[in-house]
Amino acid sequence: MFNIRKELDNKQEQIIVWRNEYKYKQEDSPYGNFLVKQIFSSHYAMQYMWPELMQYVDGNRFHNYPQAIDQLTNLYNTILKRSISPNIDSWIENNPDEWVGGIHYFGFIDYINKSQKGDRKSREELEFSFLYYTLSDLCTIEWAAVCATGVSRIDAVAYITGCQIYPMPLDDYKVITNGLGQLYISRYLEENYTPLP
């Protein structure tokens, strides 16, 4: 099962490393933009792998969850490394208004600019956004792994979030990641997230 506490801790530790690496308090630090690129790298990877991920969802390929989550996590990491990382800079630069999983780069520009000028609230917003969106993507992979063991799409949402939803089409990346984000990730962060100093 998705260990959200462990994933949140890992991501917050990574934020601390990146803060130091990108000298986040210096004016014109690339830190805020770097965080947004991480969000979009994750979203592009999910969008890119979505057709294959849905084959797992519909295929009932696995008898146990660990095999399913391992394969889907490996698929995500491979796509991120081979297809997304080499292209993310040009995609953001050339298509900043492209919607990916319900968000676009333009929506973050004001926060990036303010964080470069030392605005702490903007930096915190970017850090929270990084946690929210990347954890939502991990939760989406979790959902697919649960489905791949034979659980229905609707029941997999309930299994992960503890919330029953009305039957509806669950075949769109934006719908799934936003739904899981709202039903599970935002609630969890509200109860467990403390901004870094």
Protein backbone atom coordinates (compact mmCIF):
# COMPACT_ATOMS: atom_id res chain seq x y z
CA MET A 1 0.00 0.00 0.00
CA PHE A 2 1.08 3.56 -0.76
CA ASN A 3 3.09 4.83 2.21
CA ILE A 4 2.28 8.50 1.89
CA ARG A 5 4.11 9.45 5.10
CA LYS A 6 7.33 7.96 3.76
CA GLU A 7 6.86 9.63 0.36
CA LEU A 8 6.14 13.01 1.96
CA ASP A 9 9.22 12.71 4.18
CA ASN A 10 11.38 11.75 1.18
CA LYS A 11 10.13 14.68 -0.87
CA GLN A 12 10.64 17.15 1.97
CA GLU A 13 14.19 15.87 2.44
CA GLN A 14 14.73 16.37 -1.29
CA ILE A 15 13.43 19.94 -1.01
CA ILE A 16 16.03 20.65 1.69
CA VAL A 17 18.79 19.32 -0.57
CA TRP A 18 17.55 21.42 -3.50
CA ARG A 19 17.24 24.54 -1.33
CA ASN A 20 20.93 24.28 -0.55
CA GLU A 21 21.96 23.26 -4.04
CA TYR A 22 20.10 26.13 -5.69
CA LYS A 23 20.87 28.70 -2.97
CA TYR A 24 17.18 29.42 -2.59
CA LYS A 25 17.61 32.63 -0.58
CA GLN A 26 19.79 34.35 -3.15
CA GLU A 27 18.12 36.82 -5.48
CA ASP A 28 17.55 35.34 -8.94
CA SER A 29 17.98 31.81 -7.61
CA PRO A 30 16.66 29.22 -10.09
CA TYR A 31 15.16 27.26 -7.17
CA GLY A 32 11.50 28.15 -7.80
CA ASN A 33 11.72 27.42 -11.50
CA PHE A 34 13.52 24.15 -10.75
CA LEU A 35 10.64 23.03 -8.48
CA VAL A 36 8.10 23.82 -11.19
CA LYS A 37 10.14 21.83 -13.72
CA GLN A 38 10.00 18.88 -11.33
CA ILE A 39 6.21 19.17 -11.19
CA PHE A 40 5.96 19.24 -14.97
CA SER A 41 8.48 16.45 -15.43
CA SER A 42 6.24 14.25 -13.32
CA HIS A 43 3.08 15.35 -15.12
CA TYR A 44 4.61 14.90 -18.58
CA ALA A 45 5.85 11.44 -17.59
CA MET A 46 2.37 10.46 -16.44
CA GLN A 47 0.77 11.84 -19.59
CA TYR A 48 3.34 10.08 -21.76
CA MET A 49 2.85 6.73 -20.03
CA TRP A 50 -0.93 7.03 -19.70
CA PRO A 51 -1.91 4.71 -22.60
CA GLU A 52 0.36 1.97 -21.27
CA LEU A 53 -0.73 2.58 -17.69
CA MET A 54 -4.35 2.10 -18.76
CA GLN A 55 -3.43 -1.26 -20.27
CA TYR A 56 -2.34 -2.28 -16.77
CA VAL A 57 -5.58 -0.90 -15.32
CA ASP A 58 -7.70 -2.88 -17.77
CA GLY A 59 -5.57 -5.98 -18.04
CA ASN A 60 -5.77 -7.43 -14.53
CA ARG A 61 -2.18 -8.52 -15.15
CA PHE A 62 -1.05 -9.23 -11.62
CA HIS A 63 -2.06 -11.48 -8.76
CA ASN A 64 -0.32 -9.29 -6.23
CA TYR A 65 0.14 -5.62 -5.64
CA PRO A 66 3.96 -5.54 -5.13
CA GLN A 67 4.56 -6.83 -8.68
CA ALA A 68 2.15 -4.30 -10.15
CA ILE A 69 3.56 -1.29 -8.30
CA ASP A 70 7.15 -2.32 -9.10
CA GLN A 71 6.45 -2.55 -12.83
CA LEU A 72 4.51 0.71 -12.98
CA THR A 73 7.12 2.57 -10.92
CA ASN A 74 9.86 1.24 -13.20
CA LEU A 75 7.87 2.32 -16.27
CA TYR A 76 7.44 5.83 -14.81
CA ASN A 77 11.13 6.16 -13.90
CA THR A 78 12.27 4.89 -17.32
CA ILE A 79 10.00 7.33 -19.18
CA LEU A 80 11.09 10.18 -16.90
CA LYS A 81 14.76 9.47 -17.58
CA ARG A 82 14.65 8.65 -21.29
CA SER A 83 11.82 10.73 -22.68
CA ILE A 84 11.04 13.59 -20.30
CA SER A 85 14.30 14.81 -18.74
CA PRO A 86 16.04 15.46 -22.09
CA ASN A 87 13.04 17.50 -23.34
CA ILE A 88 11.46 19.25 -20.36
CA ASP A 89 13.33 22.55 -20.77
CA SER A 90 12.35 22.98 -24.42
CA TRP A 91 8.74 21.89 -23.79
CA ILE A 92 8.30 24.46 -21.04
CA GLU A 93 10.07 27.18 -23.01
CA ASN A 94 8.21 26.54 -26.28
CA ASN A 95 4.78 25.63 -24.86
CA PRO A 96 4.35 27.36 -21.49
CA ASP A 97 0.58 27.49 -22.00
CA GLU A 98 0.18 23.76 -22.69
CA TRP A 99 -2.14 22.07 -20.21
CA VAL A 100 -0.61 18.95 -18.67
CA GLY A 101 -2.68 17.11 -16.10
CA GLY A 102 -4.84 20.17 -15.43
CA ILE A 103 -2.02 22.72 -14.99
CA HIS A 104 0.18 24.86 -17.21
CA TYR A 105 3.53 26.56 -16.67
CA PHE A 106 2.08 30.08 -17.06
CA GLY A 107 0.12 29.48 -13.86
CA PHE A 108 3.37 29.36 -11.87
CA ILE A 109 5.30 32.28 -13.40
CA ASP A 110 4.17 34.85 -10.84
CA TYR A 111 5.19 32.59 -7.95
CA ILE A 112 8.54 31.87 -9.60
CA ASN A 113 9.27 35.57 -10.13
CA LYS A 114 8.27 36.53 -6.59
CA SER A 115 10.26 33.68 -5.06
CA GLN A 116 13.35 34.87 -6.98
CA LYS A 117 12.93 38.21 -5.24
CA GLY A 118 12.87 36.55 -1.82
CA ASP A 119 9.11 36.29 -1.28
CA ARG A 120 8.77 33.53 1.29
CA LYS A 121 5.04 32.94 0.68
CA SER A 122 5.63 32.35 -3.02
CA ARG A 123 8.47 29.94 -2.28
CA GLU A 124 6.24 28.09 0.17
CA GLU A 125 3.47 27.93 -2.44
CA LEU A 126 5.87 26.39 -4.95
CA GLU A 127 7.13 23.85 -2.40
CA PHE A 128 3.58 22.91 -1.45
CA SER A 129 2.64 22.63 -5.13
CA PHE A 130 5.61 20.36 -5.75
CA LEU A 131 4.50 18.08 -2.92
CA TYR A 132 0.84 18.11 -3.90
CA TYR A 133 1.27 17.42 -7.61
CA THR A 134 4.06 14.87 -7.40
CA LEU A 135 2.33 12.98 -4.57
CA SER A 136 -0.88 13.02 -6.63
CA ASP A 137 1.02 11.43 -9.50
CA LEU A 138 2.45 8.75 -7.20
CA CYS A 139 -1.07 8.14 -5.92
CA THR A 140 -2.25 7.74 -9.52
CA ILE A 141 0.38 5.05 -10.07
CA GLU A 142 -0.85 3.42 -6.87
CA TRP A 143 -4.42 3.50 -8.20
CA ALA A 144 -3.32 1.82 -11.43
CA ALA A 145 -1.42 -0.87 -9.52
CA VAL A 146 -4.50 -1.65 -7.42
CA CYS A 147 -6.62 -1.85 -10.58
CA ALA A 148 -4.03 -4.14 -12.21
CA THR A 149 -4.73 -6.74 -9.51
CA GLY A 150 -8.38 -6.96 -10.59
CA VAL A 151 -10.00 -4.22 -8.47
CA SER A 152 -12.45 -1.99 -10.34
CA ARG A 153 -11.50 1.61 -11.06
CA ILE A 154 -14.14 2.98 -8.67
CA ASP A 155 -13.27 0.51 -5.92
CA ALA A 156 -9.57 1.33 -6.30
CA VAL A 157 -10.34 5.01 -5.63
CA ALA A 158 -12.25 4.01 -2.49
CA TYR A 159 -9.45 1.65 -1.44
CA ILE A 160 -6.84 4.41 -1.66
CA THR A 161 -8.82 7.41 -0.45
CA GLY A 162 -11.39 5.89 1.88
CA CYS A 163 -14.04 7.82 -0.07
CA GLN A 164 -16.82 6.33 -2.14
CA ILE A 165 -17.47 8.12 -5.42
CA TYR A 166 -20.37 7.87 -7.82
CA PRO A 167 -19.76 5.70 -10.87
CA MET A 168 -18.16 7.80 -13.57
CA PRO A 169 -15.68 7.37 -16.41
CA LEU A 170 -12.19 7.07 -14.94
CA ASP A 171 -10.02 6.94 -18.01
CA ASP A 172 -8.51 10.43 -18.21
CA TYR A 173 -5.20 11.30 -16.54
CA LYS A 174 -6.35 14.78 -15.49
CA VAL A 175 -9.54 13.41 -13.91
CA ILE A 176 -7.74 10.68 -11.98
CA THR A 177 -4.79 12.69 -10.69
CA ASN A 178 -6.95 15.68 -9.74
CA GLY A 179 -9.54 13.46 -8.10
CA LEU A 180 -7.01 11.52 -6.06
CA GLY A 181 -5.25 14.77 -5.24
CA GLN A 182 -8.44 16.32 -3.87
CA LEU A 183 -9.80 13.24 -2.14
CA TYR A 184 -6.58 12.05 -0.55
CA ILE A 185 -3.44 14.13 -1.00
CA SER A 186 -4.91 17.52 -0.07
CA ARG A 187 -6.57 16.06 3.03
CA TYR A 188 -3.37 14.34 4.06
CA LEU A 189 -1.25 17.46 3.54
CA GLU A 190 -3.76 19.59 5.42
CA GLU A 191 -3.34 17.34 8.46
CA ASN A 192 0.37 16.51 8.16
CA TYR A 193 2.19 19.21 6.23
CA THR A 194 4.27 21.84 8.00
CA PRO A 195 6.05 24.37 5.80
CA LEU A 196 9.81 24.33 6.07
CA PRO A 197 11.30 27.36 7.85
